[in-house]
N, C-alpha and C. Protein backbone atom coordinates (compact mmCIF):
# COMPACT_ATOMS: atom_id res chain seq x y z
N MET A 1 0.83 -1.20 0.00
CA MET A 1 0.00 0.00 0.00
C MET A 1 0.87 1.25 0.00
N ALA A 2 1.99 1.19 0.72
CA ALA A 2 2.87 2.37 0.78
C ALA A 2 3.47 2.66 -0.59
N ARG A 3 3.82 1.62 -1.34
CA ARG A 3 4.39 1.83 -2.67
C ARG A 3 3.35 2.43 -3.61
N ALA A 4 2.12 1.96 -3.52
CA ALA A 4 1.05 2.52 -4.35
C ALA A 4 0.82 3.98 -3.99
N ARG A 5 0.73 4.28 -2.70
CA ARG A 5 0.49 5.65 -2.27
C ARG A 5 1.61 6.58 -2.75
N ALA A 6 2.86 6.08 -2.76
CA ALA A 6 3.98 6.91 -3.22
C ALA A 6 3.88 7.22 -4.71
N ALA A 7 3.25 6.33 -5.48
CA ALA A 7 3.09 6.54 -6.92
C ALA A 7 1.91 7.44 -7.26
N LEU A 8 1.02 7.65 -6.31
CA LEU A 8 -0.23 8.39 -6.56
C LEU A 8 -0.03 9.76 -7.22
N PRO A 9 0.98 10.54 -6.85
CA PRO A 9 1.15 11.85 -7.51
C PRO A 9 1.43 11.75 -9.02
N ASN A 10 1.84 10.58 -9.49
CA ASN A 10 2.14 10.40 -10.91
C ASN A 10 0.90 10.12 -11.76
N ALA A 11 -0.24 9.92 -11.13
CA ALA A 11 -1.46 9.65 -11.88
C ALA A 11 -1.77 10.82 -12.82
N HIS A 12 -2.27 10.49 -14.00
CA HIS A 12 -2.64 11.50 -14.99
C HIS A 12 -4.16 11.55 -15.03
N ALA A 13 -4.73 12.47 -14.26
CA ALA A 13 -6.19 12.55 -14.15
C ALA A 13 -6.68 13.99 -14.32
N PRO A 14 -6.36 14.62 -15.46
CA PRO A 14 -6.74 16.03 -15.63
C PRO A 14 -8.23 16.25 -15.84
N TYR A 15 -8.99 15.21 -16.18
CA TYR A 15 -10.41 15.37 -16.48
C TYR A 15 -11.28 15.10 -15.27
N SER A 16 -10.97 14.06 -14.52
CA SER A 16 -11.79 13.72 -13.36
C SER A 16 -11.18 14.16 -12.04
N ASP A 17 -9.88 14.40 -12.02
CA ASP A 17 -9.14 14.66 -10.80
C ASP A 17 -9.30 13.52 -9.79
N PHE A 18 -9.57 12.32 -10.30
CA PHE A 18 -9.72 11.10 -9.48
C PHE A 18 -8.44 10.28 -9.68
N ARG A 19 -7.45 10.58 -8.87
CA ARG A 19 -6.15 9.93 -9.00
C ARG A 19 -6.17 8.57 -8.30
N VAL A 20 -5.65 7.56 -9.00
CA VAL A 20 -5.60 6.20 -8.47
C VAL A 20 -4.23 5.63 -8.76
N ALA A 21 -3.70 4.85 -7.81
CA ALA A 21 -2.44 4.14 -8.00
C ALA A 21 -2.62 2.71 -7.50
N ALA A 22 -1.86 1.81 -8.07
CA ALA A 22 -1.94 0.40 -7.68
C ALA A 22 -0.54 -0.20 -7.61
N ALA A 23 -0.42 -1.20 -6.77
CA ALA A 23 0.79 -2.00 -6.68
C ALA A 23 0.37 -3.45 -6.73
N VAL A 24 1.07 -4.25 -7.52
CA VAL A 24 0.78 -5.68 -7.56
C VAL A 24 2.05 -6.46 -7.23
N LEU A 25 1.87 -7.51 -6.46
CA LEU A 25 2.95 -8.42 -6.10
C LEU A 25 2.88 -9.61 -7.03
N ASP A 26 3.98 -9.90 -7.74
CA ASP A 26 3.95 -11.01 -8.69
C ASP A 26 4.51 -12.29 -8.09
N ASP A 27 4.46 -13.35 -8.88
CA ASP A 27 4.88 -14.68 -8.46
C ASP A 27 6.39 -14.79 -8.26
N GLN A 28 7.14 -13.77 -8.59
CA GLN A 28 8.58 -13.77 -8.37
C GLN A 28 8.96 -12.84 -7.21
N GLY A 29 7.97 -12.34 -6.48
CA GLY A 29 8.21 -11.49 -5.32
C GLY A 29 8.48 -10.03 -5.65
N ARG A 30 8.22 -9.64 -6.88
CA ARG A 30 8.45 -8.25 -7.30
C ARG A 30 7.16 -7.44 -7.19
N VAL A 31 7.31 -6.16 -6.90
CA VAL A 31 6.17 -5.25 -6.84
C VAL A 31 6.21 -4.36 -8.08
N HIS A 32 5.08 -4.27 -8.76
CA HIS A 32 4.95 -3.45 -9.96
C HIS A 32 3.89 -2.39 -9.70
N LEU A 33 4.16 -1.18 -10.17
CA LEU A 33 3.28 -0.04 -9.92
C LEU A 33 2.53 0.39 -11.17
N GLY A 34 1.38 0.97 -10.94
CA GLY A 34 0.61 1.56 -12.03
C GLY A 34 -0.20 2.73 -11.50
N VAL A 35 -0.51 3.67 -12.37
CA VAL A 35 -1.38 4.79 -12.05
C VAL A 35 -2.41 4.92 -13.16
N ASN A 36 -3.54 5.55 -12.84
CA ASN A 36 -4.50 5.76 -13.91
C ASN A 36 -3.97 6.81 -14.88
N VAL A 37 -4.29 6.59 -16.15
CA VAL A 37 -3.85 7.50 -17.21
C VAL A 37 -5.09 7.84 -18.03
N GLU A 38 -5.65 9.04 -17.76
CA GLU A 38 -6.86 9.45 -18.45
C GLU A 38 -6.53 9.97 -19.85
N ASN A 39 -7.57 10.01 -20.67
CA ASN A 39 -7.46 10.48 -22.04
C ASN A 39 -8.67 11.35 -22.33
N ALA A 40 -8.51 12.34 -23.19
CA ALA A 40 -9.63 13.19 -23.56
C ALA A 40 -10.78 12.37 -24.14
N SER A 41 -10.45 11.29 -24.83
CA SER A 41 -11.46 10.32 -25.26
C SER A 41 -11.58 9.32 -24.11
N TYR A 42 -12.50 9.60 -23.19
CA TYR A 42 -12.51 8.96 -21.88
C TYR A 42 -12.49 7.44 -21.91
N GLY A 43 -13.07 6.83 -22.92
CA GLY A 43 -13.06 5.36 -23.03
C GLY A 43 -11.67 4.79 -23.20
N LEU A 44 -10.71 5.61 -23.55
CA LEU A 44 -9.33 5.15 -23.73
C LEU A 44 -8.51 5.28 -22.45
N THR A 45 -9.14 5.68 -21.38
CA THR A 45 -8.46 5.80 -20.09
C THR A 45 -8.00 4.43 -19.61
N ASN A 46 -6.81 4.38 -19.02
CA ASN A 46 -6.27 3.15 -18.44
C ASN A 46 -6.33 3.25 -16.92
N CYS A 47 -6.91 2.24 -16.29
CA CYS A 47 -6.99 2.20 -14.83
C CYS A 47 -5.65 1.78 -14.24
N ALA A 48 -5.38 2.23 -13.04
CA ALA A 48 -4.12 1.94 -12.36
C ALA A 48 -3.88 0.44 -12.21
N GLU A 49 -4.91 -0.32 -11.86
CA GLU A 49 -4.74 -1.75 -11.65
C GLU A 49 -4.31 -2.45 -12.93
N ARG A 50 -4.95 -2.10 -14.04
CA ARG A 50 -4.61 -2.74 -15.31
C ARG A 50 -3.23 -2.29 -15.79
N VAL A 51 -2.85 -1.04 -15.52
CA VAL A 51 -1.50 -0.59 -15.86
C VAL A 51 -0.48 -1.40 -15.08
N ALA A 52 -0.68 -1.56 -13.77
CA ALA A 52 0.26 -2.30 -12.93
C ALA A 52 0.37 -3.76 -13.37
N ILE A 53 -0.75 -4.38 -13.70
CA ILE A 53 -0.71 -5.77 -14.17
C ILE A 53 -0.01 -5.86 -15.51
N GLY A 54 -0.24 -4.90 -16.40
CA GLY A 54 0.47 -4.89 -17.68
C GLY A 54 1.96 -4.75 -17.51
N VAL A 55 2.38 -3.90 -16.58
CA VAL A 55 3.81 -3.74 -16.29
C VAL A 55 4.38 -5.06 -15.76
N ALA A 56 3.63 -5.72 -14.89
CA ALA A 56 4.09 -7.00 -14.33
C ALA A 56 4.24 -8.05 -15.43
N VAL A 57 3.26 -8.15 -16.29
CA VAL A 57 3.32 -9.12 -17.39
C VAL A 57 4.48 -8.80 -18.32
N ALA A 58 4.69 -7.52 -18.61
CA ALA A 58 5.81 -7.13 -19.48
C ALA A 58 7.15 -7.50 -18.85
N ALA A 59 7.20 -7.56 -17.52
CA ALA A 59 8.43 -7.92 -16.83
C ALA A 59 8.56 -9.44 -16.64
N GLY A 60 7.59 -10.20 -17.15
CA GLY A 60 7.69 -11.65 -17.10
C GLY A 60 6.84 -12.33 -16.05
N ALA A 61 6.02 -11.60 -15.33
CA ALA A 61 5.15 -12.22 -14.32
C ALA A 61 4.13 -13.12 -14.99
N LYS A 62 3.86 -14.24 -14.34
CA LYS A 62 2.83 -15.16 -14.81
C LYS A 62 1.58 -15.10 -13.94
N ARG A 63 1.76 -14.80 -12.66
CA ARG A 63 0.66 -14.75 -11.71
C ARG A 63 0.82 -13.52 -10.82
N ILE A 64 -0.30 -13.01 -10.34
CA ILE A 64 -0.34 -11.91 -9.38
C ILE A 64 -0.78 -12.51 -8.05
N LEU A 65 -0.01 -12.23 -6.99
CA LEU A 65 -0.31 -12.79 -5.68
C LEU A 65 -1.12 -11.85 -4.80
N ALA A 66 -1.00 -10.55 -5.01
CA ALA A 66 -1.72 -9.57 -4.20
C ALA A 66 -1.81 -8.25 -4.95
N VAL A 67 -2.84 -7.48 -4.62
CA VAL A 67 -3.07 -6.19 -5.26
C VAL A 67 -3.34 -5.16 -4.17
N GLY A 68 -2.77 -3.97 -4.33
CA GLY A 68 -3.07 -2.84 -3.46
C GLY A 68 -3.52 -1.67 -4.30
N VAL A 69 -4.60 -1.01 -3.90
CA VAL A 69 -5.16 0.11 -4.65
C VAL A 69 -5.36 1.29 -3.69
N THR A 70 -4.99 2.46 -4.15
CA THR A 70 -5.19 3.66 -3.34
C THR A 70 -5.66 4.81 -4.22
N ALA A 71 -6.34 5.73 -3.60
CA ALA A 71 -6.82 6.92 -4.32
C ALA A 71 -6.72 8.11 -3.40
N ALA A 72 -6.71 9.28 -3.99
CA ALA A 72 -6.68 10.51 -3.21
C ALA A 72 -8.10 10.84 -2.75
N LYS A 73 -8.71 9.90 -2.08
CA LYS A 73 -10.07 10.04 -1.57
C LYS A 73 -10.07 9.67 -0.10
N LEU A 74 -11.04 10.16 0.64
CA LEU A 74 -11.09 9.91 2.07
C LEU A 74 -11.28 8.43 2.38
N LYS A 75 -12.20 7.78 1.69
CA LYS A 75 -12.52 6.38 1.96
C LYS A 75 -11.86 5.47 0.94
N PRO A 76 -11.58 4.21 1.33
CA PRO A 76 -11.01 3.24 0.38
C PRO A 76 -11.93 3.04 -0.82
N ILE A 77 -11.33 2.78 -1.97
CA ILE A 77 -12.08 2.48 -3.19
C ILE A 77 -11.86 1.02 -3.55
N THR A 78 -12.65 0.51 -4.45
CA THR A 78 -12.43 -0.85 -4.96
C THR A 78 -12.22 -0.78 -6.47
N PRO A 79 -11.57 -1.79 -7.03
CA PRO A 79 -11.37 -1.80 -8.48
C PRO A 79 -12.69 -1.82 -9.24
N CYS A 80 -12.69 -1.21 -10.43
CA CYS A 80 -13.88 -1.24 -11.28
C CYS A 80 -14.10 -2.66 -11.81
N GLY A 81 -15.21 -2.87 -12.46
CA GLY A 81 -15.54 -4.20 -12.98
C GLY A 81 -14.52 -4.74 -13.96
N ALA A 82 -14.06 -3.90 -14.88
CA ALA A 82 -13.06 -4.36 -15.86
C ALA A 82 -11.77 -4.77 -15.15
N CYS A 83 -11.36 -3.98 -14.17
CA CYS A 83 -10.14 -4.32 -13.43
C CYS A 83 -10.31 -5.60 -12.63
N ARG A 84 -11.49 -5.81 -12.08
CA ARG A 84 -11.75 -7.05 -11.34
C ARG A 84 -11.56 -8.26 -12.24
N GLN A 85 -12.05 -8.17 -13.48
CA GLN A 85 -11.89 -9.28 -14.41
C GLN A 85 -10.42 -9.49 -14.77
N VAL A 86 -9.68 -8.42 -15.01
CA VAL A 86 -8.26 -8.54 -15.35
C VAL A 86 -7.48 -9.08 -14.15
N ILE A 87 -7.82 -8.64 -12.94
CA ILE A 87 -7.17 -9.19 -11.76
C ILE A 87 -7.37 -10.70 -11.71
N ARG A 88 -8.61 -11.16 -11.93
CA ARG A 88 -8.89 -12.61 -11.88
C ARG A 88 -8.21 -13.37 -13.01
N GLU A 89 -7.90 -12.72 -14.09
CA GLU A 89 -7.15 -13.40 -15.16
C GLU A 89 -5.78 -13.83 -14.66
N PHE A 90 -5.20 -13.04 -13.77
CA PHE A 90 -3.83 -13.29 -13.31
C PHE A 90 -3.71 -13.68 -11.85
N ALA A 91 -4.80 -13.60 -11.08
CA ALA A 91 -4.74 -13.89 -9.65
C ALA A 91 -5.76 -14.97 -9.29
N ASP A 92 -5.39 -15.82 -8.35
CA ASP A 92 -6.33 -16.82 -7.85
C ASP A 92 -7.44 -16.13 -7.06
N ALA A 93 -8.53 -16.85 -6.86
CA ALA A 93 -9.68 -16.29 -6.15
C ALA A 93 -9.34 -15.82 -4.74
N ASP A 94 -8.37 -16.49 -4.09
CA ASP A 94 -8.04 -16.12 -2.71
C ASP A 94 -6.95 -15.06 -2.61
N ALA A 95 -6.51 -14.50 -3.73
CA ALA A 95 -5.50 -13.44 -3.70
C ALA A 95 -6.06 -12.20 -3.01
N PRO A 96 -5.33 -11.64 -2.04
CA PRO A 96 -5.84 -10.45 -1.36
C PRO A 96 -5.81 -9.21 -2.24
N VAL A 97 -6.85 -8.40 -2.10
CA VAL A 97 -6.94 -7.11 -2.77
C VAL A 97 -7.20 -6.09 -1.66
N ALA A 98 -6.23 -5.21 -1.44
CA ALA A 98 -6.32 -4.22 -0.36
C ALA A 98 -6.55 -2.84 -0.95
N SER A 99 -7.33 -2.04 -0.24
CA SER A 99 -7.57 -0.65 -0.63
C SER A 99 -7.45 0.22 0.61
N ASP A 100 -6.94 1.43 0.41
CA ASP A 100 -6.90 2.37 1.54
C ASP A 100 -7.41 3.73 1.10
N GLY A 101 -7.62 4.57 2.08
CA GLY A 101 -8.07 5.92 1.83
C GLY A 101 -7.30 6.89 2.70
N LEU A 102 -7.57 8.15 2.52
CA LEU A 102 -6.89 9.17 3.31
C LEU A 102 -7.24 9.10 4.79
N ASP A 103 -8.32 8.39 5.12
CA ASP A 103 -8.71 8.22 6.52
C ASP A 103 -7.83 7.20 7.24
N GLY A 104 -6.89 6.56 6.51
CA GLY A 104 -5.98 5.60 7.11
C GLY A 104 -6.52 4.19 7.22
N ARG A 105 -7.77 4.00 6.88
CA ARG A 105 -8.39 2.67 6.97
C ARG A 105 -7.96 1.84 5.76
N ILE A 106 -7.67 0.56 6.01
CA ILE A 106 -7.35 -0.38 4.94
C ILE A 106 -8.41 -1.47 4.93
N VAL A 107 -8.99 -1.71 3.76
CA VAL A 107 -9.99 -2.75 3.58
C VAL A 107 -9.36 -3.83 2.72
N VAL A 108 -9.43 -5.08 3.20
CA VAL A 108 -8.85 -6.19 2.46
C VAL A 108 -9.97 -7.17 2.13
N THR A 109 -10.02 -7.53 0.86
CA THR A 109 -10.96 -8.55 0.38
C THR A 109 -10.16 -9.52 -0.48
N THR A 110 -10.81 -10.33 -1.26
CA THR A 110 -10.09 -11.22 -2.17
C THR A 110 -10.58 -10.99 -3.60
N ALA A 111 -9.78 -11.44 -4.53
CA ALA A 111 -10.16 -11.30 -5.95
C ALA A 111 -11.47 -12.04 -6.21
N GLY A 112 -11.65 -13.19 -5.60
CA GLY A 112 -12.88 -13.96 -5.79
C GLY A 112 -14.10 -13.29 -5.19
N GLU A 113 -13.93 -12.64 -4.04
CA GLU A 113 -15.05 -11.92 -3.43
C GLU A 113 -15.45 -10.72 -4.27
N LEU A 114 -14.46 -10.07 -4.89
CA LEU A 114 -14.75 -8.91 -5.72
C LEU A 114 -15.46 -9.28 -7.01
N LEU A 115 -15.20 -10.49 -7.51
CA LEU A 115 -15.81 -10.89 -8.78
C LEU A 115 -16.22 -12.36 -8.73
N PRO A 116 -17.31 -12.66 -8.03
CA PRO A 116 -17.81 -14.03 -8.06
C PRO A 116 -18.31 -14.35 -9.47
N GLY A 117 -18.12 -15.55 -9.90
CA GLY A 117 -18.57 -15.93 -11.24
C GLY A 117 -17.73 -15.33 -12.34
N ALA A 118 -16.44 -15.08 -12.05
CA ALA A 118 -15.54 -14.49 -13.06
C ALA A 118 -15.48 -15.37 -14.30
N PHE A 119 -15.29 -14.73 -15.44
CA PHE A 119 -15.10 -15.45 -16.70
C PHE A 119 -13.67 -15.97 -16.69
N LEU A 120 -13.52 -17.31 -16.66
CA LEU A 120 -12.20 -17.94 -16.58
C LEU A 120 -12.01 -18.88 -17.76
N SER A 121 -10.76 -19.01 -18.20
CA SER A 121 -10.44 -19.95 -19.26
C SER A 121 -10.52 -21.37 -18.71
N LEU A 122 -10.58 -22.35 -19.57
CA LEU A 122 -10.65 -23.75 -19.14
C LEU A 122 -9.37 -24.20 -18.45
N THR A 123 -8.25 -23.56 -18.73
CA THR A 123 -6.98 -23.97 -18.14
C THR A 123 -6.61 -23.15 -16.90
N GLN A 124 -7.40 -22.15 -16.59
CA GLN A 124 -7.10 -21.27 -15.46
C GLN A 124 -7.66 -21.87 -14.17
N PRO A 125 -6.84 -21.88 -13.10
CA PRO A 125 -7.39 -22.40 -11.82
C PRO A 125 -8.48 -21.47 -11.29
N ASP A 126 -9.46 -22.05 -10.61
CA ASP A 126 -10.53 -21.20 -10.05
C ASP A 126 -10.43 -21.07 -8.56
């Protein structure tokens, strides 16, 4: 969570001013960071969680063991639906997903709790 919070100022959110940062722990023990990157064509915006997972995959990660998400908001936020699906593509159902807010509270759930009934490939563990 501390690594994600440190990356938060790098978020590119000139349209919504909703800055988000994420950190993912991969199967090799490495932490990869991502921030949201907004675009004037809003549908092309990249969420912090998907950026962090993309960075991890580009570095050779095969699995994500944990996810941390933070925003410049008072209360903890949770990943959007698209991010939940991408998290489940790379993380087991019991992988922890933590979120914090400026109030200092940390909420921890699992990838499976965030997205029950996830769309999974036939070769992917559930």
